[in-house]
Amino acid sequence: MLAGCGGASSRTGRYGPPPTSAEATFVRMCSSCHTLAGIHRAHPTAARALAAIRTGPGAMPAGLVGGDEAVLVANYVTR
């Protein structure tokens, strides 16, 4: 009955990223303290971003995002 309506993966624009995307994870888990502009000013590599996600430097808690999702977020913020 919902054929042709699209699924969660087709949501973009004013509705934001799909809820399972790296962008959505960044918004949900990281954006209360970090902005993409701030991250890009630091010019991190994906490896450095992933290490930060895993170890939690400074006041940042370690392991807020784990596994493959952490890799996706690290790649998202450094693209």
N, C-alpha and C. Protein backbone atom coordinates (compact mmCIF):
# COMPACT_ATOMS: atom_id res chain seq x y z
N MET A 1 0.80 -1.20 0.00
CA MET A 1 0.00 0.00 0.00
C MET A 1 0.84 1.26 0.00
N LEU A 2 2.09 1.15 0.47
CA LEU A 2 2.94 2.32 0.50
C LEU A 2 3.93 2.36 -0.65
N ALA A 3 3.73 1.52 -1.64
CA ALA A 3 4.65 1.49 -2.78
C ALA A 3 4.75 2.86 -3.42
N GLY A 4 5.98 3.24 -3.73
CA GLY A 4 6.19 4.52 -4.38
C GLY A 4 6.33 5.68 -3.41
N CYS A 5 6.14 5.45 -2.13
CA CYS A 5 6.25 6.53 -1.15
C CYS A 5 7.68 6.74 -0.69
N GLY A 6 8.55 5.78 -0.94
CA GLY A 6 9.94 5.90 -0.49
C GLY A 6 10.07 5.41 0.94
N GLY A 7 11.27 5.20 1.34
CA GLY A 7 11.53 4.73 2.69
C GLY A 7 12.38 5.73 3.43
N ALA A 8 12.82 5.35 4.61
CA ALA A 8 13.63 6.24 5.43
C ALA A 8 14.91 6.66 4.72
N SER A 9 15.46 5.78 3.88
CA SER A 9 16.71 6.10 3.21
C SER A 9 16.54 7.18 2.15
N SER A 10 15.33 7.51 1.77
CA SER A 10 15.13 8.53 0.75
C SER A 10 14.85 9.90 1.36
N ARG A 11 14.80 10.01 2.68
CA ARG A 11 14.52 11.30 3.31
C ARG A 11 15.74 12.20 3.22
N THR A 12 15.53 13.39 2.72
CA THR A 12 16.59 14.39 2.65
C THR A 12 15.94 15.75 2.78
N GLY A 13 16.74 16.79 2.62
CA GLY A 13 16.18 18.13 2.64
C GLY A 13 15.69 18.54 4.01
N ARG A 14 14.53 19.10 4.06
CA ARG A 14 14.03 19.67 5.31
C ARG A 14 13.78 18.63 6.40
N TYR A 15 13.71 17.37 6.03
CA TYR A 15 13.48 16.32 7.02
C TYR A 15 14.78 15.79 7.61
N GLY A 16 15.91 16.23 7.10
CA GLY A 16 17.19 15.81 7.62
C GLY A 16 17.66 14.49 7.05
N PRO A 17 18.79 14.02 7.58
CA PRO A 17 19.37 12.78 7.06
C PRO A 17 18.57 11.57 7.51
N PRO A 18 18.73 10.46 6.80
CA PRO A 18 18.09 9.23 7.27
C PRO A 18 18.57 8.92 8.69
N PRO A 19 17.73 8.38 9.54
CA PRO A 19 18.11 8.20 10.94
C PRO A 19 19.27 7.24 11.16
N THR A 20 19.62 6.43 10.18
CA THR A 20 20.73 5.51 10.35
C THR A 20 22.02 6.00 9.69
N SER A 21 22.03 7.21 9.18
CA SER A 21 23.21 7.71 8.49
C SER A 21 24.26 8.21 9.47
N ALA A 22 25.50 8.31 8.99
CA ALA A 22 26.58 8.85 9.80
C ALA A 22 26.28 10.29 10.21
N GLU A 23 25.65 11.03 9.31
CA GLU A 23 25.28 12.41 9.63
C GLU A 23 24.30 12.45 10.80
N ALA A 24 23.29 11.59 10.77
CA ALA A 24 22.32 11.56 11.86
C ALA A 24 22.99 11.16 13.17
N THR A 25 23.92 10.23 13.11
CA THR A 25 24.64 9.82 14.32
C THR A 25 25.46 10.99 14.85
N PHE A 26 26.14 11.72 13.95
CA PHE A 26 26.90 12.89 14.36
C PHE A 26 25.99 13.91 15.03
N VAL A 27 24.87 14.19 14.41
CA VAL A 27 23.93 15.17 14.98
C VAL A 27 23.45 14.72 16.36
N ARG A 28 23.10 13.47 16.48
CA ARG A 28 22.55 12.93 17.73
C ARG A 28 23.60 12.82 18.83
N MET A 29 24.80 12.37 18.50
CA MET A 29 25.78 12.04 19.53
C MET A 29 26.89 13.08 19.72
N CYS A 30 27.13 13.91 18.72
CA CYS A 30 28.32 14.77 18.76
C CYS A 30 28.04 16.26 18.69
N SER A 31 26.95 16.64 18.03
CA SER A 31 26.75 18.05 17.69
C SER A 31 26.42 18.94 18.89
N SER A 32 26.14 18.35 20.04
CA SER A 32 25.91 19.21 21.20
C SER A 32 27.22 19.88 21.65
N CYS A 33 28.36 19.29 21.27
CA CYS A 33 29.67 19.86 21.62
C CYS A 33 30.50 20.24 20.41
N HIS A 34 30.27 19.61 19.26
CA HIS A 34 31.11 19.80 18.08
C HIS A 34 30.32 20.32 16.89
N THR A 35 31.00 21.10 16.05
CA THR A 35 30.43 21.51 14.77
C THR A 35 31.35 20.99 13.67
N LEU A 36 30.79 20.77 12.49
CA LEU A 36 31.63 20.34 11.38
C LEU A 36 32.65 21.42 11.02
N ALA A 37 32.26 22.67 11.11
CA ALA A 37 33.20 23.76 10.80
C ALA A 37 34.39 23.72 11.75
N GLY A 38 34.13 23.49 13.03
CA GLY A 38 35.22 23.40 14.00
C GLY A 38 36.12 22.21 13.75
N ILE A 39 35.52 21.09 13.41
CA ILE A 39 36.30 19.89 13.10
C ILE A 39 37.15 20.13 11.87
N HIS A 40 36.57 20.75 10.84
CA HIS A 40 37.32 20.97 9.60
C HIS A 40 38.45 21.96 9.79
N ARG A 41 38.32 22.91 10.72
CA ARG A 41 39.42 23.85 11.00
C ARG A 41 40.62 23.10 11.57
N ALA A 42 40.39 22.01 12.29
CA ALA A 42 41.48 21.23 12.87
C ALA A 42 42.13 20.30 11.85
N HIS A 43 41.51 20.09 10.70
CA HIS A 43 42.01 19.24 9.62
C HIS A 43 42.39 17.82 10.08
N PRO A 44 41.51 17.14 10.80
CA PRO A 44 41.87 15.79 11.24
C PRO A 44 41.76 14.78 10.09
N THR A 45 42.52 13.73 10.21
CA THR A 45 42.35 12.60 9.28
C THR A 45 41.26 11.71 9.86
N ALA A 46 40.76 10.81 9.05
CA ALA A 46 39.75 9.87 9.54
C ALA A 46 40.33 9.02 10.67
N ALA A 47 41.61 8.66 10.57
CA ALA A 47 42.24 7.86 11.62
C ALA A 47 42.30 8.63 12.94
N ARG A 48 42.63 9.92 12.89
CA ARG A 48 42.67 10.73 14.12
C ARG A 48 41.27 10.92 14.70
N ALA A 49 40.29 11.14 13.82
CA ALA A 49 38.90 11.29 14.29
C ALA A 49 38.43 10.00 14.95
N LEU A 50 38.74 8.86 14.35
CA LEU A 50 38.35 7.58 14.91
C LEU A 50 39.03 7.35 16.26
N ALA A 51 40.30 7.69 16.36
CA ALA A 51 41.01 7.55 17.64
C ALA A 51 40.36 8.42 18.71
N ALA A 52 39.95 9.64 18.34
CA ALA A 52 39.29 10.53 19.29
C ALA A 52 37.95 9.96 19.73
N ILE A 53 37.21 9.39 18.80
CA ILE A 53 35.92 8.78 19.14
C ILE A 53 36.13 7.63 20.12
N ARG A 54 37.15 6.84 19.89
CA ARG A 54 37.40 5.66 20.73
C ARG A 54 37.97 6.01 22.10
N THR A 55 38.88 7.00 22.16
CA THR A 55 39.57 7.29 23.42
C THR A 55 38.96 8.43 24.22
N GLY A 56 38.21 9.31 23.56
CA GLY A 56 37.58 10.41 24.27
C GLY A 56 38.56 11.39 24.88
N PRO A 57 39.28 12.17 24.06
CA PRO A 57 40.24 13.12 24.62
C PRO A 57 39.55 14.24 25.41
N GLY A 58 40.24 14.75 26.39
CA GLY A 58 39.71 15.86 27.19
C GLY A 58 38.44 15.47 27.91
N ALA A 59 37.44 16.33 27.82
CA ALA A 59 36.16 16.09 28.51
C ALA A 59 35.23 15.17 27.72
N MET A 60 35.64 14.80 26.51
CA MET A 60 34.79 13.94 25.68
C MET A 60 34.79 12.51 26.21
N PRO A 61 33.62 11.94 26.44
CA PRO A 61 33.57 10.54 26.89
C PRO A 61 34.06 9.59 25.80
N ALA A 62 34.76 8.57 26.20
CA ALA A 62 35.24 7.56 25.25
C ALA A 62 34.09 6.67 24.79
N GLY A 63 34.15 6.25 23.54
CA GLY A 63 33.24 5.25 23.03
C GLY A 63 31.78 5.64 22.91
N LEU A 64 31.49 6.92 22.68
CA LEU A 64 30.08 7.31 22.50
C LEU A 64 29.46 6.62 21.30
N VAL A 65 30.29 6.35 20.30
CA VAL A 65 29.87 5.62 19.11
C VAL A 65 30.88 4.50 18.94
N GLY A 66 30.42 3.32 18.61
CA GLY A 66 31.35 2.20 18.51
C GLY A 66 31.25 1.45 17.21
N GLY A 67 32.18 0.54 17.02
CA GLY A 67 32.18 -0.37 15.88
C GLY A 67 32.20 0.33 14.54
N ASP A 68 31.49 -0.26 13.59
CA ASP A 68 31.42 0.28 12.24
C ASP A 68 30.83 1.68 12.21
N GLU A 69 29.92 1.95 13.14
CA GLU A 69 29.29 3.27 13.20
C GLU A 69 30.34 4.34 13.50
N ALA A 70 31.30 4.04 14.36
CA ALA A 70 32.37 4.98 14.67
C ALA A 70 33.21 5.28 13.42
N VAL A 71 33.49 4.26 12.64
CA VAL A 71 34.25 4.43 11.40
C VAL A 71 33.47 5.32 10.43
N LEU A 72 32.18 5.08 10.30
CA LEU A 72 31.35 5.89 9.41
C LEU A 72 31.33 7.35 9.85
N VAL A 73 31.20 7.60 11.15
CA VAL A 73 31.18 8.97 11.65
C VAL A 73 32.54 9.63 11.42
N ALA A 74 33.62 8.92 11.69
CA ALA A 74 34.96 9.49 11.47
C ALA A 74 35.14 9.86 10.01
N ASN A 75 34.71 9.01 9.11
CA ASN A 75 34.81 9.33 7.68
C ASN A 75 33.90 10.49 7.30
N TYR A 76 32.73 10.56 7.90
CA TYR A 76 31.77 11.65 7.61
C TYR A 76 32.37 13.00 8.03
N VAL A 77 32.91 13.08 9.23
CA VAL A 77 33.38 14.39 9.72
C VAL A 77 34.66 14.84 9.05
N THR A 78 35.37 13.94 8.39
CA THR A 78 36.63 14.34 7.75
C THR A 78 36.53 14.41 6.23
N ARG A 79 35.35 14.28 5.70
CA ARG A 79 35.25 14.34 4.23
C ARG A 79 35.29 15.75 3.72
